[in-house]
Protein backbone atom coordinates (compact mmCIF):
# COMPACT_ATOMS: atom_id res chain seq x y z
CA MET A 1 -125.22 159.90 -119.34
CA ARG A 2 -127.34 162.11 -117.28
CA SER A 3 -126.45 165.37 -115.65
CA ASP A 4 -127.94 167.92 -113.52
CA TYR A 5 -127.36 171.75 -114.29
CA PHE A 6 -127.21 173.04 -110.94
CA VAL A 7 -124.75 170.30 -109.76
CA ASP A 8 -122.72 169.55 -112.61
CA LEU A 9 -122.53 172.63 -114.58
CA LEU A 10 -123.39 175.82 -112.77
CA PRO A 11 -120.56 175.49 -110.01
CA GLY A 12 -117.80 175.56 -112.68
CA MET A 13 -119.46 178.27 -114.72
CA VAL A 14 -119.72 180.45 -111.66
CA LEU A 15 -116.04 179.65 -110.70
CA LEU A 16 -114.89 180.29 -114.29
CA GLY A 17 -116.95 183.82 -114.09
CA VAL A 18 -115.59 184.83 -110.88
CA GLY A 19 -111.91 183.81 -111.58
CA ALA A 20 -111.90 185.55 -114.89
CA GLY A 21 -113.49 188.63 -113.07
CA LEU A 22 -110.63 188.53 -110.57
CA VAL A 23 -107.59 187.69 -112.69
CA PHE A 24 -108.34 190.02 -115.83
CA PRO A 25 -108.16 193.41 -114.57
CA SER A 26 -105.09 192.34 -112.52
CA LEU A 27 -103.50 191.22 -115.72
CA ALA A 28 -104.48 194.39 -117.58
CA THR A 29 -103.20 196.47 -114.82
CA LEU A 30 -99.77 194.61 -114.57
CA ALA A 31 -99.50 194.84 -118.56
CA MET A 32 -100.40 198.32 -118.76
CA SER A 33 -98.23 199.37 -115.79
CA SER A 34 -94.91 199.95 -117.38
CA ALA A 35 -96.55 201.54 -120.72
CA THR A 36 -95.75 205.25 -121.35
CA GLU A 37 -98.57 207.67 -122.16
CA SER A 38 -97.73 207.74 -125.76
CA ASP A 39 -97.56 203.79 -125.76
CA SER A 40 -100.50 203.06 -123.95
CA GLY A 41 -102.96 202.42 -126.99
CA LEU A 42 -100.42 200.22 -128.36
CA ALA A 43 -100.09 198.36 -125.32
CA SER A 44 -103.61 197.97 -124.90
CA GLY A 45 -104.35 196.86 -128.32
CA LEU A 46 -101.58 194.07 -128.02
CA LEU A 47 -102.75 193.00 -124.65
CA ASN A 48 -106.46 192.54 -126.23
CA THR A 49 -105.08 190.96 -129.39
CA THR A 50 -103.02 188.58 -127.46
CA ALA A 51 -105.60 187.59 -125.07
CA GLN A 52 -108.02 186.91 -127.94
CA VAL A 53 -105.61 184.98 -130.17
CA GLY A 54 -104.25 183.10 -127.22
CA GLY A 55 -107.71 181.86 -126.19
CA ALA A 56 -108.83 180.96 -129.75
CA LEU A 57 -105.47 179.20 -130.50
CA GLY A 58 -105.43 177.26 -126.92
CA LEU A 59 -109.26 176.37 -127.51
CA ALA A 60 -108.36 174.99 -131.10
CA VAL A 61 -105.39 172.91 -129.48
CA LEU A 62 -107.43 171.34 -126.97
CA ALA A 63 -110.29 170.39 -128.64
CA THR A 64 -107.98 168.76 -131.54
CA LEU A 65 -106.28 166.84 -128.60
CA ALA A 66 -109.68 165.80 -127.18
CA ALA A 67 -111.13 164.90 -130.62
CA SER A 68 -107.75 162.69 -131.35
CA LYS A 69 -108.12 160.99 -127.80
CA THR A 70 -111.52 160.29 -128.32
CA GLN A 71 -111.17 158.88 -131.70
CA SER A 72 -108.40 156.42 -130.67
CA LEU A 73 -110.30 155.31 -127.94
CA ARG A 74 -113.20 154.50 -130.03
CA ALA A 75 -110.71 152.43 -132.26
CA LEU A 76 -109.78 150.64 -129.27
CA GLY A 77 -113.41 149.48 -128.82
CA ASN A 78 -114.68 151.81 -125.99
CA SER A 79 -118.20 153.12 -126.20
CA ALA A 80 -118.99 156.53 -127.48
CA PRO A 81 -119.55 158.15 -123.95
CA ASP A 82 -116.50 156.55 -122.37
CA ALA A 83 -114.23 157.70 -125.28
CA LEU A 84 -115.71 161.17 -125.18
CA THR A 85 -115.21 161.15 -121.31
CA GLY A 86 -111.47 159.92 -121.80
CA GLY A 87 -110.91 162.55 -124.58
CA PHE A 88 -112.05 165.41 -122.16
CA ARG A 89 -110.38 163.82 -119.05
CA THR A 90 -107.02 163.89 -121.09
CA VAL A 91 -107.50 167.67 -122.07
CA PHE A 92 -108.63 168.73 -118.60
CA GLY A 93 -105.42 167.02 -117.24
CA LEU A 94 -103.19 168.82 -119.49
CA SER A 95 -105.03 172.11 -118.73
CA ALA A 96 -104.51 171.64 -115.17
CA ALA A 97 -100.97 170.75 -115.93
CA LEU A 98 -100.45 173.97 -117.98
CA LEU A 99 -102.18 175.99 -115.40
CA ILE A 100 -99.71 174.67 -112.58
CA ALA A 101 -96.63 175.40 -114.85
CA ALA A 102 -97.91 178.95 -115.69
CA PHE A 103 -98.34 179.56 -111.71
CA VAL A 104 -94.74 178.40 -111.27
CA ILE A 105 -93.19 180.33 -114.05
CA ALA A 106 -95.26 183.34 -112.75
CA VAL A 107 -93.90 183.14 -109.19
CA ILE A 108 -90.46 182.49 -110.43
CA VAL A 109 -90.37 185.34 -113.07
CA LEU A 110 -92.77 188.15 -111.42
CA ARG A 111 -90.53 189.00 -108.33
CA ASP A 112 -90.77 192.43 -106.72
CA GLN A 113 -88.18 194.90 -107.95
CA PRO A 114 -86.54 197.17 -105.51
CA ALA A 115 -88.32 200.37 -105.36
CA ASP A 116 -85.65 202.56 -106.17
CA ALA A 117 -84.93 200.42 -109.59
CA GLY A 118 -88.24 201.24 -110.90
CA VAL A 119 -88.23 204.88 -110.29
CA THR A 120 -84.63 204.96 -111.97
CA GLU A 121 -86.04 203.22 -115.17
CA ARG A 122 -88.95 205.73 -115.27
CA ALA A 123 -86.47 208.73 -114.77
CA GLU A 124 -84.44 207.27 -117.71
CA ASP A 125 -87.39 206.78 -120.06
CA ALA A 126 -88.48 210.42 -119.20
CA ALA A 127 -85.36 211.73 -120.05
């Protein structure tokens, strides 16, 4: 299998970098928006720890699934490149499905609160 860096790899890497650069600051702002001043350090640490552990765990699970699918395709007689492509295709499909599910959950769960409800909650926290 032959590939060209500028055609096959660079567009995905640029898309990943731009997407992460746009999403992570927004997620950090959302996560820290309801933290009080005294809890901001705890909330920040929890946010960073969760991001690191979640990324490591997600990568480990997806790599294990890709290796398992590749091994099963090799056992069925597929060539190594075809089996590896099949393993990656399975994991990329699963990743896309998880991304769509996360988007749907975010749209359902993250609804706008009425403006006075947020003010009331903060006033109660301050008291």
